Every structure is written in structure tokens, then in C-alpha cells.
PDB file of N, CA and C in Angstrom:
ATOM      1  N   MET A   1       2.279  21.021  19.557  1.00  0.00           N
ATOM      2  CA  MET A   1       1.980  19.874  18.728  1.00  0.00           C
ATOM      3  C   MET A   1       3.137  18.893  18.820  1.00  0.00           C
ATOM      4  N   LEU A   2       2.792  17.633  18.691  1.00  0.00           N
ATOM      5  CA  LEU A   2       3.769  16.564  18.799  1.00  0.00           C
ATOM      6  C   LEU A   2       3.789  15.758  17.502  1.00  0.00           C
ATOM      7  N   LEU A   3       4.960  15.198  17.170  1.00  0.00           N
ATOM      8  CA  LEU A   3       5.103  14.373  15.973  1.00  0.00           C
ATOM      9  C   LEU A   3       4.979  12.903  16.323  1.00  0.00           C
ATOM     10  N   ALA A   4       4.283  12.164  15.463  1.00  0.00           N
ATOM     11  CA  ALA A   4       4.139  10.723  15.676  1.00  0.00           C
ATOM     12  C   ALA A   4       3.887  10.046  14.334  1.00  0.00           C
ATOM     13  N   ARG A   5       4.088   8.733  14.308  1.00  0.00           N
ATOM     14  CA  ARG A   5       3.758   7.918  13.144  1.00  0.00           C
ATOM     15  C   ARG A   5       2.526   7.086  13.497  1.00  0.00           C
ATOM     16  N   VAL A   6       1.584   7.020  12.576  1.00  0.00           N
ATOM     17  CA  VAL A   6       0.407   6.180  12.778  1.00  0.00           C
ATOM     18  C   VAL A   6       0.854   4.737  12.583  1.00  0.00           C
ATOM     19  N   VAL A   7       0.715   3.931  13.638  1.00  0.00           N
ATOM     20  CA  VAL A   7       1.170   2.537  13.572  1.00  0.00           C
ATOM     21  C   VAL A   7       0.026   1.535  13.600  1.00  0.00           C
ATOM     22  N   GLY A   8      -1.183   1.999  13.796  1.00  0.00           N
ATOM     23  CA  GLY A   8      -2.313   1.074  13.813  1.00  0.00           C
ATOM     24  C   GLY A   8      -3.613   1.768  14.123  1.00  0.00           C
ATOM     25  N   THR A   9      -4.646   0.961  14.201  1.00  0.00           N
ATOM     26  CA  THR A   9      -5.973   1.465  14.543  1.00  0.00           C
ATOM     27  C   THR A   9      -6.414   0.828  15.849  1.00  0.00           C
ATOM     28  N   VAL A  10      -7.350   1.478  16.499  1.00  0.00           N
ATOM     29  CA  VAL A  10      -7.936   0.952  17.728  1.00  0.00           C
ATOM     30  C   VAL A  10      -9.442   0.904  17.502  1.00  0.00           C
ATOM     31  N   VAL A  11     -10.026  -0.275  17.688  1.00  0.00           N
ATOM     32  CA  VAL A  11     -11.450  -0.466  17.462  1.00  0.00           C
ATOM     33  C   VAL A  11     -12.134  -0.728  18.786  1.00  0.00           C
ATOM     34  N   SER A  12     -13.244  -0.057  19.004  1.00  0.00           N
ATOM     35  CA  SER A  12     -14.025  -0.230  20.220  1.00  0.00           C
ATOM     36  C   SER A  12     -15.488  -0.373  19.822  1.00  0.00           C
ATOM     37  N   SER A  13     -16.065  -1.513  20.126  1.00  0.00           N
ATOM     38  CA  SER A  13     -17.455  -1.731  19.724  1.00  0.00           C
ATOM     39  C   SER A  13     -18.453  -1.057  20.675  1.00  0.00           C
ATOM     40  N   ARG A  14     -18.045  -0.798  21.907  1.00  0.00           N
ATOM     41  CA  ARG A  14     -18.921  -0.107  22.867  1.00  0.00           C
ATOM     42  C   ARG A  14     -18.204   1.141  23.342  1.00  0.00           C
ATOM     43  N   LYS A  15     -18.873   2.278  23.174  1.00  0.00           N
ATOM     44  CA  LYS A  15     -18.247   3.537  23.572  1.00  0.00           C
ATOM     45  C   LYS A  15     -19.296   4.585  23.908  1.00  0.00           C
ATOM     46  N   GLU A  16     -18.859   5.632  24.524  1.00  0.00           N
ATOM     47  CA  GLU A  16     -19.689   6.789  24.843  1.00  0.00           C
ATOM     48  C   GLU A  16     -20.345   7.275  23.549  1.00  0.00           C
ATOM     49  N   PRO A  17     -21.656   7.512  23.568  1.00  0.00           N
ATOM     50  CA  PRO A  17     -22.345   7.948  22.348  1.00  0.00           C
ATOM     51  C   PRO A  17     -21.740   9.185  21.679  1.00  0.00           C
ATOM     52  N   LYS A  18     -21.151  10.090  22.451  1.00  0.00           N
ATOM     53  CA  LYS A  18     -20.561  11.297  21.867  1.00  0.00           C
ATOM     54  C   LYS A  18     -19.377  10.994  20.950  1.00  0.00           C
ATOM     55  N   ILE A  19     -18.758   9.821  21.092  1.00  0.00           N
ATOM     56  CA  ILE A  19     -17.595   9.518  20.260  1.00  0.00           C
ATOM     57  C   ILE A  19     -17.885   8.434  19.220  1.00  0.00           C
ATOM     58  N   GLU A  20     -19.162   8.093  19.051  1.00  0.00           N
ATOM     59  CA  GLU A  20     -19.547   7.159  17.990  1.00  0.00           C
ATOM     60  C   GLU A  20     -19.135   7.732  16.643  1.00  0.00           C
ATOM     61  N   GLY A  21     -18.589   6.895  15.782  1.00  0.00           N
ATOM     62  CA  GLY A  21     -18.233   7.300  14.428  1.00  0.00           C
ATOM     63  C   GLY A  21     -16.883   7.958  14.287  1.00  0.00           C
ATOM     64  N   ILE A  22     -16.168   8.158  15.377  1.00  0.00           N
ATOM     65  CA  ILE A  22     -14.841   8.763  15.298  1.00  0.00           C
ATOM     66  C   ILE A  22     -13.802   7.649  15.199  1.00  0.00           C
ATOM     67  N   LYS A  23     -12.844   7.818  14.274  1.00  0.00           N
ATOM     68  CA  LYS A  23     -11.779   6.836  14.088  1.00  0.00           C
ATOM     69  C   LYS A  23     -10.682   7.077  15.124  1.00  0.00           C
ATOM     70  N   PHE A  24     -10.222   5.989  15.734  1.00  0.00           N
ATOM     71  CA  PHE A  24      -9.137   6.049  16.702  1.00  0.00           C
ATOM     72  C   PHE A  24      -7.897   5.409  16.097  1.00  0.00           C
ATOM     73  N   LEU A  25      -6.767   6.096  16.210  1.00  0.00           N
ATOM     74  CA  LEU A  25      -5.516   5.588  15.664  1.00  0.00           C
ATOM     75  C   LEU A  25      -4.468   5.461  16.755  1.00  0.00           C
ATOM     76  N   LEU A  26      -3.619   4.442  16.608  1.00  0.00           N
ATOM     77  CA  LEU A  26      -2.513   4.220  17.535  1.00  0.00           C
ATOM     78  C   LEU A  26      -1.289   4.925  16.976  1.00  0.00           C
ATOM     79  N   LEU A  27      -0.714   5.813  17.774  1.00  0.00           N
ATOM     80  CA  LEU A  27       0.443   6.600  17.361  1.00  0.00           C
ATOM     81  C   LEU A  27       1.673   6.209  18.158  1.00  0.00           C
ATOM     82  N   ASP A  28       2.821   6.254  17.496  1.00  0.00           N
ATOM     83  CA  ASP A  28       4.113   6.076  18.161  1.00  0.00           C
ATOM     84  C   ASP A  28       4.874   7.385  17.975  1.00  0.00           C
ATOM     85  N   LYS A  29       5.193   8.048  19.077  1.00  0.00           N
ATOM     86  CA  LYS A  29       5.947   9.298  18.994  1.00  0.00           C
ATOM     87  C   LYS A  29       7.279   9.006  18.306  1.00  0.00           C
ATOM     88  N   ILE A  30       7.766   9.951  17.490  1.00  0.00           N
ATOM     89  CA  ILE A  30       9.004   9.720  16.743  1.00  0.00           C
ATOM     90  C   ILE A  30      10.090  10.712  17.138  1.00  0.00           C
ATOM     91  N   ASN A  31      11.325  10.300  16.887  1.00  0.00           N
ATOM     92  CA  ASN A  31      12.481  11.170  17.011  1.00  0.00           C
ATOM     93  C   ASN A  31      12.685  11.788  15.628  1.00  0.00           C
ATOM     94  N   PRO A  32      12.526  13.110  15.464  1.00  0.00           N
ATOM     95  CA  PRO A  32      12.622  13.703  14.132  1.00  0.00           C
ATOM     96  C   PRO A  32      14.018  13.631  13.522  1.00  0.00           C
ATOM     97  N   GLU A  33      15.050  13.423  14.327  1.00  0.00           N
ATOM     98  CA  GLU A  33      16.406  13.292  13.780  1.00  0.00           C
ATOM     99  C   GLU A  33      16.588  11.971  13.055  1.00  0.00           C
ATOM    100  N   THR A  34      15.971  10.908  13.603  1.00  0.00           N
ATOM    101  CA  THR A  34      16.149   9.573  13.020  1.00  0.00           C
ATOM    102  C   THR A  34      14.883   9.056  12.356  1.00  0.00           C
ATOM    103  N   MET A  35      13.775   9.698  12.622  1.00  0.00           N
ATOM    104  CA  MET A  35      12.443   9.273  12.151  1.00  0.00           C
ATOM    105  C   MET A  35      12.047   7.916  12.731  1.00  0.00           C
ATOM    106  N   GLN A  36      12.726   7.468  13.759  1.00  0.00           N
ATOM    107  CA  GLN A  36      12.421   6.196  14.410  1.00  0.00           C
ATOM    108  C   GLN A  36      11.413   6.403  15.534  1.00  0.00           C
ATOM    109  N   GLY A  37      10.570   5.391  15.720  1.00  0.00           N
ATOM    110  CA  GLY A  37       9.616   5.423  16.811  1.00  0.00           C
ATOM    111  C   GLY A  37      10.313   5.317  18.148  1.00  0.00           C
ATOM    112  N   ARG A  38       9.673   5.840  19.170  1.00  0.00           N
ATOM    113  CA  ARG A  38      10.235   5.823  20.525  1.00  0.00           C
ATOM    114  C   ARG A  38       9.607   4.746  21.402  1.00  0.00           C
ATOM    115  N   ASN A  39       8.717   3.947  20.822  1.00  0.00           N
ATOM    116  CA  ASN A  39       7.943   2.980  21.613  1.00  0.00           C
ATOM    117  C   ASN A  39       7.209   3.686  22.745  1.00  0.00           C
ATOM    118  N   ASP A  40       6.705   4.865  22.436  1.00  0.00           N
ATOM    119  CA  ASP A  40       5.925   5.688  23.359  1.00  0.00           C
ATOM    120  C   ASP A  40       4.596   5.938  22.652  1.00  0.00           C
ATOM    121  N   PHE A  41       3.594   5.152  22.995  1.00  0.00           N
ATOM    122  CA  PHE A  41       2.346   5.096  22.236  1.00  0.00           C
ATOM    123  C   PHE A  41       1.234   5.921  22.861  1.00  0.00           C
ATOM    124  N   VAL A  42       0.338   6.393  22.000  1.00  0.00           N
ATOM    125  CA  VAL A  42      -0.840   7.124  22.433  1.00  0.00           C
ATOM    126  C   VAL A  42      -1.967   6.805  21.449  1.00  0.00           C
ATOM    127  N   VAL A  43      -3.186   6.740  21.958  1.00  0.00           N
ATOM    128  CA  VAL A  43      -4.359   6.578  21.104  1.00  0.00           C
ATOM    129  C   VAL A  43      -4.938   7.978  20.892  1.00  0.00           C
ATOM    130  N   ALA A  44      -5.189   8.310  19.621  1.00  0.00           N
ATOM    131  CA  ALA A  44      -5.695   9.645  19.301  1.00  0.00           C
ATOM    132  C   ALA A  44      -6.911   9.556  18.393  1.00  0.00           C
ATOM    133  N   MET A  45      -7.819  10.518  18.562  1.00  0.00           N
ATOM    134  CA  MET A  45      -8.942  10.654  17.640  1.00  0.00           C
ATOM    135  C   MET A  45      -8.398  11.258  16.350  1.00  0.00           C
ATOM    136  N   ASP A  46      -8.930  10.813  15.225  1.00  0.00           N
ATOM    137  CA  ASP A  46      -8.461  11.301  13.925  1.00  0.00           C
ATOM    138  C   ASP A  46      -9.419  12.360  13.392  1.00  0.00           C
ATOM    139  N   SER A  47      -8.932  13.591  13.211  1.00  0.00           N
ATOM    140  CA  SER A  47      -9.783  14.655  12.680  1.00  0.00           C
ATOM    141  C   SER A  47      -9.429  15.026  11.246  1.00  0.00           C
ATOM    142  N   VAL A  48      -8.443  14.312  10.646  1.00  0.00           N
ATOM    143  CA  VAL A  48      -7.972  14.708   9.310  1.00  0.00           C
ATOM    144  C   VAL A  48      -7.921  13.570   8.296  1.00  0.00           C
ATOM    145  N   GLY A  49      -8.301  12.370   8.664  1.00  0.00           N
ATOM    146  CA  GLY A  49      -8.276  11.256   7.716  1.00  0.00           C
ATOM    147  C   GLY A  49      -6.903  10.645   7.533  1.00  0.00           C
ATOM    148  N   ALA A  50      -6.122  10.559   8.593  1.00  0.00           N
ATOM    149  CA  ALA A  50      -4.778   9.982   8.525  1.00  0.00           C
ATOM    150  C   ALA A  50      -4.852   8.473   8.341  1.00  0.00           C
ATOM    151  N   GLY A  51      -3.757   7.903   7.837  1.00  0.00           N
ATOM    152  CA  GLY A  51      -3.701   6.463   7.626  1.00  0.00           C
ATOM    153  C   GLY A  51      -2.429   5.864   8.191  1.00  0.00           C
ATOM    154  N   THR A  52      -2.412   4.556   8.282  1.00  0.00           N
ATOM    155  CA  THR A  52      -1.270   3.830   8.820  1.00  0.00           C
ATOM    156  C   THR A  52      -0.006   4.172   8.037  1.00  0.00           C
ATOM    157  N   GLY A  53       1.077   4.436   8.776  1.00  0.00           N
ATOM    158  CA  GLY A  53       2.365   4.759   8.183  1.00  0.00           C
ATOM    159  C   GLY A  53       2.627   6.245   8.035  1.00  0.00           C
ATOM    160  N   GLU A  54       1.584   7.064   8.112  1.00  0.00           N
ATOM    161  CA  GLU A  54       1.776   8.500   7.916  1.00  0.00           C
ATOM    162  C   GLU A  54       2.353   9.157   9.173  1.00  0.00           C
ATOM    163  N   ILE A  55       3.116  10.228   8.944  1.00  0.00           N
ATOM    164  CA  ILE A  55       3.616  11.063  10.030  1.00  0.00           C
ATOM    165  C   ILE A  55       2.577  12.153  10.254  1.00  0.00           C
ATOM    166  N   VAL A  56       2.223  12.386  11.508  1.00  0.00           N
ATOM    167  CA  VAL A  56       1.170  13.332  11.845  1.00  0.00           C
ATOM    168  C   VAL A  56       1.589  14.243  12.989  1.00  0.00           C
ATOM    169  N   PHE A  57       0.897  15.375  13.087  1.00  0.00           N
ATOM    170  CA  PHE A  57       0.920  16.214  14.279  1.00  0.00           C
ATOM    171  C   PHE A  57      -0.271  15.801  15.109  1.00  0.00           C
ATOM    172  N   TYR A  58      -0.084  15.743  16.416  1.00  0.00           N
ATOM    173  CA  TYR A  58      -1.248  15.573  17.278  1.00  0.00           C
ATOM    174  C   TYR A  58      -1.124  16.514  18.456  1.00  0.00           C
ATOM    175  N   VAL A  59      -2.259  16.843  19.015  1.00  0.00           N
ATOM    176  CA  VAL A  59      -2.313  17.698  20.194  1.00  0.00           C
ATOM    177  C   VAL A  59      -2.939  16.896  21.325  1.00  0.00           C
ATOM    178  N   SER A  60      -2.633  17.316  22.539  1.00  0.00           N
ATOM    179  CA  SER A  60      -3.190  16.601  23.690  1.00  0.00           C
ATOM    180  C   SER A  60      -3.778  17.593  24.685  1.00  0.00           C
ATOM    181  N   GLY A  61      -4.471  17.036  25.656  1.00  0.00           N
ATOM    182  CA  GLY A  61      -5.108  17.876  26.663  1.00  0.00           C
ATOM    183  C   GLY A  61      -6.300  18.622  26.094  1.00  0.00           C
ATOM    184  N   SER A  62      -6.574  19.798  26.636  1.00  0.00           N
ATOM    185  CA  SER A  62      -7.760  20.550  26.219  1.00  0.00           C
ATOM    186  C   SER A  62      -7.694  20.959  24.745  1.00  0.00           C
ATOM    187  N   SER A  63      -6.507  21.093  24.175  1.00  0.00           N
ATOM    188  CA  SER A  63      -6.373  21.428  22.750  1.00  0.00           C
ATOM    189  C   SER A  63      -6.986  20.351  21.860  1.00  0.00           C
ATOM    190  N   SER A  64      -7.042  19.124  22.357  1.00  0.00           N
ATOM    191  CA  SER A  64      -7.578  18.026  21.538  1.00  0.00           C
ATOM    192  C   SER A  64      -9.086  18.139  21.325  1.00  0.00           C
ATOM    193  N   ARG A  65      -9.726  19.013  22.046  1.00  0.00           N
ATOM    194  CA  ARG A  65     -11.175  19.198  21.889  1.00  0.00           C
ATOM    195  C   ARG A  65     -11.508  20.447  21.077  1.00  0.00           C
ATOM    196  N   MET A  66     -10.548  20.958  20.324  1.00  0.00           N
ATOM    197  CA  MET A  66     -10.743  22.202  19.579  1.00  0.00           C
ATOM    198  C   MET A  66     -10.826  21.993  18.071  1.00  0.00           C
ATOM    199  N   THR A  67     -11.142  20.786  17.615  1.00  0.00           N
ATOM    200  CA  THR A  67     -11.334  20.567  16.178  1.00  0.00           C
ATOM    201  C   THR A  67     -12.822  20.411  15.906  1.00  0.00           C
ATOM    202  N   ALA A  68     -13.193  20.509  14.648  1.00  0.00           N
ATOM    203  CA  ALA A  68     -14.607  20.334  14.284  1.00  0.00           C
ATOM    204  C   ALA A  68     -15.095  18.942  14.664  1.00  0.00           C
ATOM    205  N   VAL A  69     -14.220  17.940  14.563  1.00  0.00           N
ATOM    206  CA  VAL A  69     -14.593  16.552  14.868  1.00  0.00           C
ATOM    207  C   VAL A  69     -14.713  16.306  16.363  1.00  0.00           C
ATOM    208  N   THR A  70     -13.863  16.953  17.168  1.00  0.00           N
ATOM    209  CA  THR A  70     -13.783  16.613  18.589  1.00  0.00           C
ATOM    210  C   THR A  70     -14.403  17.648  19.525  1.00  0.00           C
ATOM    211  N   GLU A  71     -14.911  18.742  18.997  1.00  0.00           N
ATOM    212  CA  GLU A  71     -15.483  19.780  19.849  1.00  0.00           C
ATOM    213  C   GLU A  71     -16.598  19.208  20.718  1.00  0.00           C
ATOM    214  N   GLY A  72     -16.474  19.412  22.039  1.00  0.00           N
ATOM    215  CA  GLY A  72     -17.480  18.926  22.979  1.00  0.00           C
ATOM    216  C   GLY A  72     -17.414  17.433  23.254  1.00  0.00           C
ATOM    217  N   LYS A  73     -16.356  16.787  22.785  1.00  0.00           N
ATOM    218  CA  LYS A  73     -16.212  15.331  22.958  1.00  0.00           C
ATOM    219  C   LYS A  73     -15.148  15.044  24.023  1.00  0.00           C
ATOM    220  N   PRO A  74     -15.267  13.909  24.712  1.00  0.00           N
ATOM    221  CA  PRO A  74     -14.231  13.543  25.683  1.00  0.00           C
ATOM    222  C   PRO A  74     -12.982  13.058  24.952  1.00  0.00           C
ATOM    223  N   SER A  75     -11.979  13.927  24.864  1.00  0.00           N
ATOM    224  CA  SER A  75     -10.766  13.613  24.114  1.00  0.00           C
ATOM    225  C   SER A  75      -9.544  14.082  24.871  1.00  0.00           C
ATOM    226  N   ASP A  76      -8.465  13.310  24.764  1.00  0.00           N
ATOM    227  CA  ASP A  76      -7.196  13.732  25.348  1.00  0.00           C
ATOM    228  C   ASP A  76      -6.088  13.795  24.306  1.00  0.00           C
ATOM    229  N   ALA A  77      -6.332  13.279  23.083  1.00  0.00           N
ATOM    230  CA  ALA A  77      -5.351  13.362  22.004  1.00  0.00           C
ATOM    231  C   ALA A  77      -6.091  13.350  20.666  1.00  0.00           C
ATOM    232  N   THR A  78      -5.722  14.280  19.785  1.00  0.00           N
ATOM    233  CA  THR A  78      -6.367  14.380  18.479  1.00  0.00           C
ATOM    234  C   THR A  78      -5.322  14.673  17.409  1.00  0.00           C
ATOM    235  N   ILE A  79      -5.407  13.946  16.292  1.00  0.00           N
ATOM    236  CA  ILE A  79      -4.540  14.207  15.147  1.00  0.00           C
ATOM    237  C   ILE A  79      -5.104  15.435  14.441  1.00  0.00           C
ATOM    238  N   THR A  80      -4.235  16.446  14.223  1.00  0.00           N
ATOM    239  CA  THR A  80      -4.682  17.702  13.630  1.00  0.00           C
ATOM    240  C   THR A  80      -4.058  17.991  12.274  1.00  0.00           C
ATOM    241  N   ALA A  81      -3.048  17.211  11.863  1.00  0.00           N
ATOM    242  CA  ALA A  81      -2.414  17.459  10.563  1.00  0.00           C
ATOM    243  C   ALA A  81      -1.642  16.228  10.123  1.00  0.00           C
ATOM    244  N   ILE A  82      -1.561  16.046   8.803  1.00  0.00           N
ATOM    245  CA  ILE A  82      -0.710  15.023   8.198  1.00  0.00           C
ATOM    246  C   ILE A  82       0.514  15.757   7.661  1.00  0.00           C
ATOM    247  N   VAL A  83       1.696  15.293   8.024  1.00  0.00           N
ATOM    248  CA  VAL A  83       2.949  15.969   7.677  1.00  0.00           C
ATOM    249  C   VAL A  83       3.384  15.603   6.257  1.00  0.00           C
ATOM    250  N   ASP A  84       3.770  16.618   5.488  1.00  0.00           N
ATOM    251  CA  ASP A  84       4.281  16.407   4.133  1.00  0.00           C
ATOM    252  C   ASP A  84       5.802  16.397   4.094  1.00  0.00           C
ATOM    253  N   GLU A  85       6.429  17.190   4.952  1.00  0.00           N
ATOM    254  CA  GLU A  85       7.883  17.303   4.918  1.00  0.00           C
ATOM    255  C   GLU A  85       8.403  17.731   6.278  1.00  0.00           C
ATOM    256  N   ILE A  86       9.562  17.193   6.651  1.00  0.00           N
ATOM    257  CA  ILE A  86      10.261  17.648   7.855  1.00  0.00           C
ATOM    258  C   ILE A  86      11.677  18.008   7.437  1.00  0.00           C
ATOM    259  N   GLU A  87      12.073  19.230   7.760  1.00  0.00           N
ATOM    260  CA  GLU A  87      13.427  19.694   7.478  1.00  0.00           C
ATOM    261  C   GLU A  87      14.097  19.957   8.816  1.00  0.00           C
ATOM    262  N   LEU A  88      15.300  19.448   8.985  1.00  0.00           N
ATOM    263  CA  LEU A  88      16.034  19.605  10.240  1.00  0.00           C
ATOM    264  C   LEU A  88      17.452  20.049   9.900  1.00  0.00           C
ATOM    265  N   ASN A  89      17.858  21.185  10.428  1.00  0.00           N
ATOM    266  CA  ASN A  89      19.191  21.738  10.167  1.00  0.00           C
ATOM    267  C   ASN A  89      19.477  21.852   8.675  1.00  0.00           C
ATOM    268  N   GLY A  90      18.487  22.302   7.914  1.00  0.00           N
ATOM    269  CA  GLY A  90      18.665  22.521   6.492  1.00  0.00           C
ATOM    270  C   GLY A  90      18.587  21.284   5.617  1.00  0.00           C
ATOM    271  N   LYS A  91      18.327  20.112   6.213  1.00  0.00           N
ATOM    272  CA  LYS A  91      18.231  18.873   5.441  1.00  0.00           C
ATOM    273  C   LYS A  91      16.845  18.278   5.584  1.00  0.00           C
ATOM    274  N   ALA A  92      16.301  17.816   4.472  1.00  0.00           N
ATOM    275  CA  ALA A  92      15.000  17.148   4.520  1.00  0.00           C
ATOM    276  C   ALA A  92      15.204  15.764   5.117  1.00  0.00           C
ATOM    277  N   VAL A  93      14.600  15.512   6.279  1.00  0.00           N
ATOM    278  CA  VAL A  93      14.708  14.198   6.911  1.00  0.00           C
ATOM    279  C   VAL A  93      13.491  13.337   6.608  1.00  0.00           C
ATOM    280  N   TYR A  94      12.430  13.978   6.082  1.00  0.00           N
ATOM    281  CA  TYR A  94      11.224  13.231   5.714  1.00  0.00           C
ATOM    282  C   TYR A  94      10.514  13.962   4.593  1.00  0.00           C
ATOM    283  N   LEU A  95      10.202  13.225   3.540  1.00  0.00           N
ATOM    284  CA  LEU A  95       9.390  13.723   2.435  1.00  0.00           C
ATOM    285  C   LEU A  95       8.295  12.710   2.196  1.00  0.00           C
ATOM    286  N   LYS A  96       7.063  13.080   2.464  1.00  0.00           N
ATOM    287  CA  LYS A  96       5.948  12.158   2.281  1.00  0.00           C
ATOM    288  C   LYS A  96       5.871  11.663   0.846  1.00  0.00           C
ATOM    289  N   SER A  97       6.186  12.510  -0.102  1.00  0.00           N
ATOM    290  CA  SER A  97       6.093  12.145  -1.516  1.00  0.00           C
ATOM    291  C   SER A  97       7.050  11.016  -1.893  1.00  0.00           C
ATOM    292  N   ARG A  98       8.050  10.745  -1.068  1.00  0.00           N
ATOM    293  CA  ARG A  98       9.005   9.667  -1.354  1.00  0.00           C
ATOM    294  C   ARG A  98       8.721   8.397  -0.568  1.00  0.00           C
ATOM    295  N   MET A  99       7.713   8.436   0.271  1.00  0.00           N
ATOM    296  CA  MET A  99       7.394   7.284   1.111  1.00  0.00           C
ATOM    297  C   MET A  99       6.144   6.603   0.592  1.00  0.00           C
ATOM    298  N   PRO A 100       6.111   5.248   0.625  1.00  0.00           N
ATOM    299  CA  PRO A 100       4.857   4.573   0.281  1.00  0.00           C
ATOM    300  C   PRO A 100       3.802   4.960   1.302  1.00  0.00           C
ATOM    301  N   GLN A 101       2.602   5.218   0.827  1.00  0.00           N
ATOM    302  CA  GLN A 101       1.508   5.566   1.717  1.00  0.00           C
ATOM    303  C   GLN A 101       0.646   4.342   1.914  1.00  0.00           C
ATOM    304  N   VAL A 102       0.290   4.067   3.144  1.00  0.00           N
ATOM    305  CA  VAL A 102      -0.503   2.891   3.460  1.00  0.00           C
ATOM    306  C   VAL A 102      -1.833   3.347   4.007  1.00  0.00           C
ATOM    307  N   SER A 103      -2.897   2.788   3.482  1.00  0.00           N
ATOM    308  CA  SER A 103      -4.217   3.061   4.041  1.00  0.00           C
ATOM    309  C   SER A 103      -4.947   1.742   4.163  1.00  0.00           C
ATOM    310  N   SER A 104      -5.842   1.677   5.099  1.00  0.00           N
ATOM    311  CA  SER A 104      -6.587   0.445   5.269  1.00  0.00           C
ATOM    312  C   SER A 104      -8.057   0.767   5.455  1.00  0.00           C
ATOM    313  N   SER A 105      -8.855  -0.199   5.163  1.00  0.00           N
ATOM    314  CA  SER A 105     -10.291  -0.061   5.323  1.00  0.00           C
ATOM    315  C   SER A 105     -10.609   0.145   6.791  1.00  0.00           C
ATOM    316  N   PRO A 106     -11.529   1.040   7.139  1.00  0.00           N
ATOM    317  CA  PRO A 106     -11.855   1.250   8.540  1.00  0.00           C
ATOM    318  C   PRO A 106     -12.454   0.016   9.203  1.00  0.00           C
ATOM    319  N   ARG A 107     -12.867  -0.963   8.418  1.00  0.00           N
ATOM    320  CA  ARG A 107     -13.463  -2.163   8.987  1.00  0.00           C
ATOM    321  C   ARG A 107     -12.539  -3.372   8.871  1.00  0.00           C
ATOM    322  N   GLY A 108     -11.246  -3.119   8.674  1.00  0.00           N
ATOM    323  CA  GLY A 108     -10.292  -4.213   8.659  1.00  0.00           C
ATOM    324  C   GLY A 108     -10.230  -4.966   7.355  1.00  0.00           C
ATOM    325  N   GLY A 109     -10.609  -4.325   6.254  1.00  0.00           N
ATOM    326  CA  GLY A 109     -10.574  -4.981   4.948  1.00  0.00           C
ATOM    327  C   GLY A 109      -9.182  -4.970   4.355  1.00  0.00           C
ATOM    328  N   GLU A 110      -9.124  -4.968   3.030  1.00  0.00           N
ATOM    329  CA  GLU A 110      -7.851  -5.009   2.337  1.00  0.00           C
ATOM    330  C   GLU A 110      -7.051  -3.745   2.615  1.00  0.00           C
ATOM    331  N   THR A 111      -5.733  -3.880   2.594  1.00  0.00           N
ATOM    332  CA  THR A 111      -4.843  -2.753   2.758  1.00  0.00           C
ATOM    333  C   THR A 111      -4.281  -2.390   1.402  1.00  0.00           C
ATOM    334  N   THR A 112      -4.279  -1.116   1.076  1.00  0.00           N
ATOM    335  CA  THR A 112      -3.767  -0.639  -0.201  1.00  0.00           C
ATOM    336  C   THR A 112      -2.512   0.172   0.044  1.00  0.00           C
ATOM    337  N   HIS A 113      -1.458  -0.116  -0.718  1.00  0.00           N
ATOM    338  CA  HIS A 113      -0.234   0.679  -0.671  1.00  0.00           C
ATOM    339  C   HIS A 113      -0.244   1.580  -1.885  1.00  0.00           C
ATOM    340  N   ARG A 114      -0.179   2.907  -1.671  1.00  0.00           N
ATOM    341  CA  ARG A 114      -0.131   3.846  -2.778  1.00  0.00           C
ATOM    342  C   ARG A 114       1.288   4.359  -2.910  1.00  0.00           C
ATOM    343  N   MET A 115       1.914   4.040  -4.012  1.00  0.00           N
ATOM    344  CA  MET A 115       3.272   4.478  -4.270  1.00  0.00           C
ATOM    345  C   MET A 115       3.221   5.864  -4.909  1.00  0.00           C
ATOM    346  N   PRO A 116       4.264   6.680  -4.723  1.00  0.00           N
ATOM    347  CA  PRO A 116       4.265   8.031  -5.268  1.00  0.00           C
ATOM    348  C   PRO A 116       4.075   8.083  -6.778  1.00  0.00           C
ATOM    349  N   THR A 117       4.456   7.029  -7.490  1.00  0.00           N
ATOM    350  CA  THR A 117       4.315   7.030  -8.950  1.00  0.00           C
ATOM    351  C   THR A 117       2.868   6.840  -9.373  1.00  0.00           C
ATOM    352  N   GLY A 118       1.992   6.547  -8.448  1.00  0.00           N
ATOM    353  CA  GLY A 118       0.589   6.350  -8.768  1.00  0.00           C
ATOM    354  C   GLY A 118       0.222   4.899  -9.020  1.00  0.00           C
ATOM    355  N   THR A 119       1.202   3.975  -8.957  1.00  0.00           N
ATOM    356  CA  THR A 119       0.885   2.569  -9.138  1.00  0.00           C
ATOM    357  C   THR A 119       0.247   2.041  -7.873  1.00  0.00           C
ATOM    358  N   ARG A 120      -0.577   1.016  -8.001  1.00  0.00           N
ATOM    359  CA  ARG A 120      -1.263   0.450  -6.851  1.00  0.00           C
ATOM    360  C   ARG A 120      -1.002  -1.046  -6.778  1.00  0.00           C
ATOM    361  N   ARG A 121      -0.748  -1.532  -5.580  1.00  0.00           N
ATOM    362  CA  ARG A 121      -0.622  -2.959  -5.328  1.00  0.00           C
ATOM    363  C   ARG A 121      -1.502  -3.300  -4.149  1.00  0.00           C
ATOM    364  N   MET A 122      -2.028  -4.481  -4.138  1.00  0.00           N
ATOM    365  CA  MET A 122      -2.852  -4.935  -3.016  1.00  0.00           C
ATOM    366  C   MET A 122      -2.023  -5.861  -2.157  1.00  0.00           C
ATOM    367  N   LYS A 123      -2.062  -5.639  -0.858  1.00  0.00           N
ATOM    368  CA  LYS A 123      -1.376  -6.516   0.088  1.00  0.00           C
ATOM    369  C   LYS A 123      -2.387  -7.536   0.589  1.00  0.00           C
ATOM    370  N   PRO A 124      -2.028  -8.810   0.599  1.00  0.00           N
ATOM    371  CA  PRO A 124      -2.997  -9.831   1.057  1.00  0.00           C
ATOM    372  C   PRO A 124      -3.326  -9.689   2.528  1.00  0.00           C
TER     373      PRO A 124
END
């Protein structure tokens, strides 16, 4: 499994019928020591409901076709988990509960930022 940050969505109006209805996300592989993106991007099918800004695990190759969402589908990368915490050398380098969570409408609507305190703000 590989670590990446969801940096965007990919929309395709015409696609193979087997992949209709599957959400595609743009991932940037991250360095777990710095949590910075590597500018090494991949498009992955989403099998867990990930959103923009979240850190995820993804698998590639034949493993990407082993989820309930992607079984029997033409896939080369699939998000299989949303990361809650990363600990490196005994130190927490990432805690999802301390990061603002960003989600957006699958059709490009309003973006909502969910803060850990439960407050909500709308981004224009």
C-alpha cells in the first residue's frame, strides 16, 4: 500500500460502462516524514468515500481490482483506506482529528470544511 493525499477529483463524461458511477480522485504521493506532496500524481478509483485533503492508502496493479467496488473492473489504482494517524519513530506526524477535513460535492457544488470541533463553514 502507498500513502497519498487526495488533491482533487477527475471527471469523465464518457467512460467504459463497467466503471460508470465510480468516483475518480487525483492523488499526490506524500513523504511521511514531512507530509509534503512529491508532485507524483496518480488517478485512483475511490472505494471508501475519501475526500479532498485526506491522507489515504491506495493499491495499484492487480490489487486494485480486489475491492467490492472495483472487482472485475479495469483498474490500476484504488483507494482502500482513509488514514487516521501516522506515527514515525515514536512521534505522531499526522493526526486526522487535528486537520480540517474538506469534502466537495461529486458534481462540483459547494465545498464544506469540517473542523474537528464540529463547526461548519462554507467556502465560496
